[in-house]
Protein backbone atom coordinates (compact mmCIF):
# COMPACT_ATOMS: atom_id res chain seq x y z
CA UNK A 1 76.67 4.51 307.01
CA UNK A 2 73.99 4.79 304.40
CA UNK A 3 71.62 5.96 307.10
CA UNK A 4 74.03 8.75 308.10
CA UNK A 5 74.32 9.90 304.48
CA UNK A 6 70.57 9.93 304.24
CA UNK A 7 70.24 12.11 307.36
CA UNK A 8 72.96 14.47 306.07
CA UNK A 9 71.22 14.79 302.71
CA UNK A 10 67.96 15.54 304.46
CA UNK A 11 69.62 18.24 306.56
CA UNK A 12 71.20 19.75 303.46
CA UNK A 13 67.80 19.85 301.82
CA UNK A 14 66.31 21.57 304.89
CA UNK A 15 69.09 24.13 304.93
CA UNK A 16 68.68 24.78 301.21
CA UNK A 17 64.93 25.23 301.65
CA UNK A 18 65.48 27.59 304.56
CA UNK A 19 67.90 29.69 302.54
CA UNK A 20 65.49 29.81 299.61
CA UNK A 21 62.69 30.83 301.93
CA UNK A 22 64.84 33.57 303.48
CA UNK A 23 65.75 34.88 300.03
CA UNK A 24 62.10 34.89 299.02
CA UNK A 25 61.18 36.75 302.18
CA UNK A 26 63.91 39.35 301.57
CA UNK A 27 62.82 39.80 297.95
CA UNK A 28 59.21 40.19 299.04
CA UNK A 29 60.21 42.70 301.68
CA UNK A 30 62.22 44.68 299.13
CA UNK A 31 59.31 44.68 296.73
CA UNK A 32 56.99 45.80 299.52
CA UNK A 33 59.41 48.55 300.52
CA UNK A 34 59.67 49.71 296.89
CA UNK A 35 55.89 49.77 296.68
CA UNK A 36 55.84 51.76 299.90
CA UNK A 37 58.08 54.36 298.25
CA UNK A 38 56.07 54.41 295.03
CA UNK A 39 52.68 55.04 296.64
CA UNK A 40 53.57 58.47 298.15
CA UNK A 41 55.27 59.46 294.89
CA UNK A 42 52.17 58.55 292.88
CA UNK A 43 49.93 60.41 295.33
CA UNK A 44 52.18 63.51 295.11
CA UNK A 45 52.09 63.35 291.29
CA UNK A 46 48.30 63.14 291.27
CA UNK A 47 48.03 66.12 293.66
CA UNK A 48 50.51 68.16 291.59
CA UNK A 49 48.64 67.37 288.36
CA UNK A 50 45.36 68.41 289.99
CA UNK A 51 46.88 71.67 291.22
CA UNK A 52 48.27 72.48 287.76
CA UNK A 53 44.92 71.77 286.15
CA UNK A 54 43.14 74.01 288.66
CA UNK A 55 45.58 76.89 288.12
CA UNK A 56 45.34 76.50 284.34
CA UNK A 57 41.54 76.47 284.50
CA UNK A 58 41.42 79.64 286.63
CA UNK A 59 43.94 81.54 284.51
CA UNK A 60 42.63 80.45 281.12
CA UNK A 61 40.76 83.40 279.59
CA UNK A 62 37.03 82.90 279.22
CA UNK A 63 34.96 84.94 276.83
CA UNK A 64 31.33 85.90 277.30
CA UNK A 65 30.80 86.49 273.58
CA UNK A 66 32.30 85.50 270.27
CA UNK A 67 35.52 87.05 269.00
CA UNK A 68 35.29 89.97 266.64
CA UNK A 69 34.48 88.98 263.08
CA UNK A 70 36.35 92.08 261.91
CA UNK A 71 40.07 91.18 261.76
CA UNK A 72 40.93 94.83 262.49
CA UNK A 73 39.59 94.39 266.05
CA UNK A 74 40.87 92.31 268.95
CA UNK A 75 38.90 91.03 271.98
CA UNK A 76 40.03 92.55 275.27
CA UNK A 77 38.56 91.51 278.62
CA UNK A 78 38.36 94.30 281.21
CA UNK A 79 36.59 93.51 284.47
CA UNK A 80 35.45 90.18 282.95
CA UNK A 81 33.66 92.20 280.22
CA UNK A 82 34.72 91.71 276.59
CA UNK A 83 35.36 94.72 274.36
CA UNK A 84 36.35 94.42 270.70
CA UNK A 85 38.72 97.29 269.99
CA UNK A 86 40.90 98.30 267.02
CA UNK A 87 44.58 97.86 267.93
CA UNK A 88 45.37 101.11 266.09
CA UNK A 89 43.18 102.99 268.60
CA UNK A 90 45.10 101.72 271.66
CA UNK A 91 47.31 104.53 272.94
CA UNK A 92 49.73 102.50 275.11
CA UNK A 93 51.92 99.96 273.33
CA UNK A 94 51.93 97.32 276.09
CA UNK A 95 48.11 97.21 275.96
CA UNK A 96 48.04 96.11 272.30
CA UNK A 97 47.16 92.47 272.91
CA UNK A 98 44.03 90.41 273.36
CA UNK A 99 43.00 88.82 276.64
CA UNK A 100 42.36 90.08 280.18
CA UNK A 101 43.59 93.56 281.08
CA UNK A 102 42.99 95.89 284.01
CA UNK A 103 42.84 99.01 281.83
CA UNK A 104 42.84 100.03 278.16
CA UNK A 105 43.41 103.58 276.85
CA UNK A 106 41.96 104.43 273.43
CA UNK A 107 41.71 107.40 271.07
CA UNK A 108 39.42 107.97 268.07
CA UNK A 109 39.25 110.73 265.50
CA UNK A 110 36.11 112.84 265.76
CA UNK A 111 33.57 112.82 264.19
CA UNK A 112 34.60 109.80 262.07
CA UNK A 113 35.31 107.67 265.20
CA UNK A 114 38.07 105.84 263.34
CA UNK A 115 41.49 105.04 264.84
CA UNK A 116 43.90 107.97 264.45
CA UNK A 117 46.57 108.01 261.80
CA UNK A 118 50.26 107.58 262.61
CA UNK A 119 51.44 110.78 264.36
CA UNK A 120 53.12 113.24 262.03
CA UNK A 121 56.56 114.44 263.08
CA UNK A 122 56.50 118.10 264.08
CA UNK A 123 59.69 120.09 264.59
CA UNK A 124 60.14 123.31 266.52
CA UNK A 125 60.32 125.29 263.27
CA UNK A 126 57.03 123.89 261.90
CA UNK A 127 55.00 123.92 265.14
CA UNK A 128 52.14 126.43 265.13
CA UNK A 129 50.39 126.67 268.50
CA UNK A 130 47.49 128.59 267.00
CA UNK A 131 46.74 125.77 264.56
CA UNK A 132 46.71 123.03 267.18
CA UNK A 133 43.18 121.75 267.82
CA UNK A 134 41.99 118.60 269.55
CA UNK A 135 40.00 116.52 267.10
CA UNK A 136 39.94 113.29 269.06
CA UNK A 137 37.73 111.70 271.66
CA UNK A 138 39.62 109.67 274.26
CA UNK A 139 38.21 106.59 275.98
CA UNK A 140 39.58 104.84 279.06
CA UNK A 141 38.18 101.41 279.97
CA UNK A 142 38.92 100.35 283.56
CA UNK A 143 37.72 97.43 285.69
CA UNK A 144 35.57 99.05 288.40
CA UNK A 145 36.06 96.27 291.00
CA UNK A 146 32.73 97.16 292.67
CA UNK A 147 33.72 100.79 293.24
CA UNK A 148 31.10 103.52 293.39
CA UNK A 149 29.31 103.74 290.04
CA UNK A 150 29.21 106.99 288.01
CA UNK A 151 25.45 107.33 288.65
CA UNK A 152 25.95 106.94 292.41
CA UNK A 153 28.75 109.52 292.37
CA UNK A 154 26.49 112.00 290.58
CA UNK A 155 23.66 111.47 293.11
CA UNK A 156 25.62 111.24 296.36
CA UNK A 157 29.11 112.78 295.97
CA UNK A 158 28.89 115.72 293.57
CA UNK A 159 25.95 117.50 295.30
CA UNK A 160 28.09 117.96 298.44
CA UNK A 161 30.55 120.19 296.58
CA UNK A 162 28.32 122.16 294.18
CA UNK A 163 27.34 125.79 294.47
CA UNK A 164 23.63 126.42 294.82
CA UNK A 165 23.33 128.56 291.68
CA UNK A 166 22.45 126.90 288.39
CA UNK A 167 23.77 128.54 285.25
CA UNK A 168 22.65 128.26 281.65
CA UNK A 169 24.78 126.67 278.96
CA UNK A 170 24.41 126.40 275.18
CA UNK A 171 21.43 124.63 273.64
CA UNK A 172 19.53 123.49 276.70
CA UNK A 173 22.45 122.48 278.92
CA UNK A 174 22.71 123.55 282.56
CA UNK A 175 25.89 124.08 284.55
CA UNK A 176 26.69 123.89 288.26
CA UNK A 177 29.97 125.25 289.62
CA UNK A 178 32.02 123.23 292.08
CA UNK A 179 33.09 125.15 295.18
CA UNK A 180 36.66 126.40 295.34
CA UNK A 181 37.42 124.42 298.52
CA UNK A 182 36.14 121.16 297.01
CA UNK A 183 38.18 118.33 295.43
CA UNK A 184 36.72 119.45 292.08
CA UNK A 185 37.65 123.12 292.34
CA UNK A 186 37.91 124.76 288.93
CA UNK A 187 35.41 122.33 287.33
CA UNK A 188 31.79 122.69 286.28
CA UNK A 189 29.11 120.00 286.20
CA UNK A 190 27.32 120.10 282.86
CA UNK A 191 23.95 118.33 282.56
CA UNK A 192 21.71 117.80 279.56
CA UNK A 193 18.52 115.87 278.78
CA UNK A 194 17.17 114.15 275.66
CA UNK A 195 19.67 112.61 275.19
CA UNK A 196 21.05 112.44 278.74
CA UNK A 197 24.51 113.89 279.35
CA UNK A 198 26.45 114.38 282.57
CA UNK A 199 29.99 115.70 282.23
CA UNK A 200 32.55 117.26 284.57
CA UNK A 201 34.42 119.94 282.63
CA UNK A 202 37.45 122.11 283.33
CA UNK A 203 37.13 125.78 282.47
CA UNK A 204 38.73 127.45 279.49
CA UNK A 205 42.04 129.10 280.41
CA UNK A 206 45.35 129.25 278.58
CA UNK A 207 44.69 125.58 277.79
CA UNK A 208 41.47 124.25 276.28
CA UNK A 209 38.85 123.04 278.74
CA UNK A 210 38.20 119.30 278.75
CA UNK A 211 35.12 117.31 279.74
CA UNK A 212 34.85 113.86 281.33
CA UNK A 213 31.73 111.74 280.94
CA UNK A 214 31.51 108.32 282.57
CA UNK A 215 29.29 105.28 282.16
CA UNK A 216 29.34 101.74 283.52
CA UNK A 217 29.18 98.68 281.24
CA UNK A 218 28.94 95.43 283.22
CA UNK A 219 32.29 94.97 285.00
CA UNK A 220 34.01 98.04 283.53
CA UNK A 221 33.74 101.83 283.70
CA UNK A 222 34.16 103.85 280.48
CA UNK A 223 35.46 107.42 280.75
CA UNK A 224 35.11 109.62 277.66
CA UNK A 225 37.26 112.75 277.44
CA UNK A 226 36.62 115.49 274.87
CA UNK A 227 37.12 119.27 274.46
CA UNK A 228 34.62 121.52 276.22
CA UNK A 229 34.17 123.45 272.97
CA UNK A 230 32.29 120.43 271.59
CA UNK A 231 29.41 121.18 273.96
CA UNK A 232 28.12 123.58 271.32
CA UNK A 233 26.97 120.40 269.53
CA UNK A 234 26.63 118.20 272.60
CA UNK A 235 23.94 115.91 271.16
CA UNK A 236 26.38 114.79 268.45
CA UNK A 237 28.96 114.08 271.18
CA UNK A 238 26.47 111.93 273.10
CA UNK A 239 25.64 110.06 269.89
CA UNK A 240 29.37 109.48 269.30
CA UNK A 241 29.84 108.06 272.82
CA UNK A 242 26.84 105.76 272.34
CA UNK A 243 28.18 104.62 268.99
CA UNK A 244 31.66 103.89 270.34
CA UNK A 245 30.19 101.91 273.24
CA UNK A 246 28.06 99.86 270.85
CA UNK A 247 30.99 99.24 268.49
CA UNK A 248 33.26 98.00 271.26
CA UNK A 249 30.58 95.71 272.68
CA UNK A 250 29.25 94.38 269.37
CA UNK A 251 31.41 91.64 267.81
CA UNK A 252 29.97 92.35 264.34
CA UNK A 253 30.50 96.10 264.26
């Protein structure tokens, strides 16, 4: 009888041990399964964090020179080239912010080259068309994106459409007329030396003639627009364009 109880107790112990072992195995399997779920989640988190860091690094603006020391100027990056411009000179409201932009349109009073004052309200009764004169030089800064440079256009494109005759212009300038059937019909090419000037100008009609002069600065093209009448003192106009370029590129100007 005692022997039977001993055997039964031993069997109970074996059963208990088996149940404990089964529970341990199930717990271990659950832990392993949970770890199996966690590993892909952790890998996905690491990949997502790396992607976010890469996007942030690529989009974060980088500057090639220090910000403007003059608080009246803001740094604008056009074509990965930094220009320090006065916000008051920016003509389009949505462009009045620092950072990368594809294009910036500016205007400066001439000959002071300061930002223009707030426009004065003019009514129909006070408007005098005879008194209206253009006293501003306009500048457009555009990312060129490896397009044909202004110098290449002057050497390779313009000559195809110019008349053969060369005309004289004030104070040492020369003019070439674009053919009527050309894309530049109605314009003249005005060229000067010492200092160099190349401008494409519309002719004087009922509206004042305007001139465009272009130059490339690193990753951006600058287009200066001014009245053709200013060609009577064209060397001062060239000096003004040089000065504006230097001011926008120099952080201490």
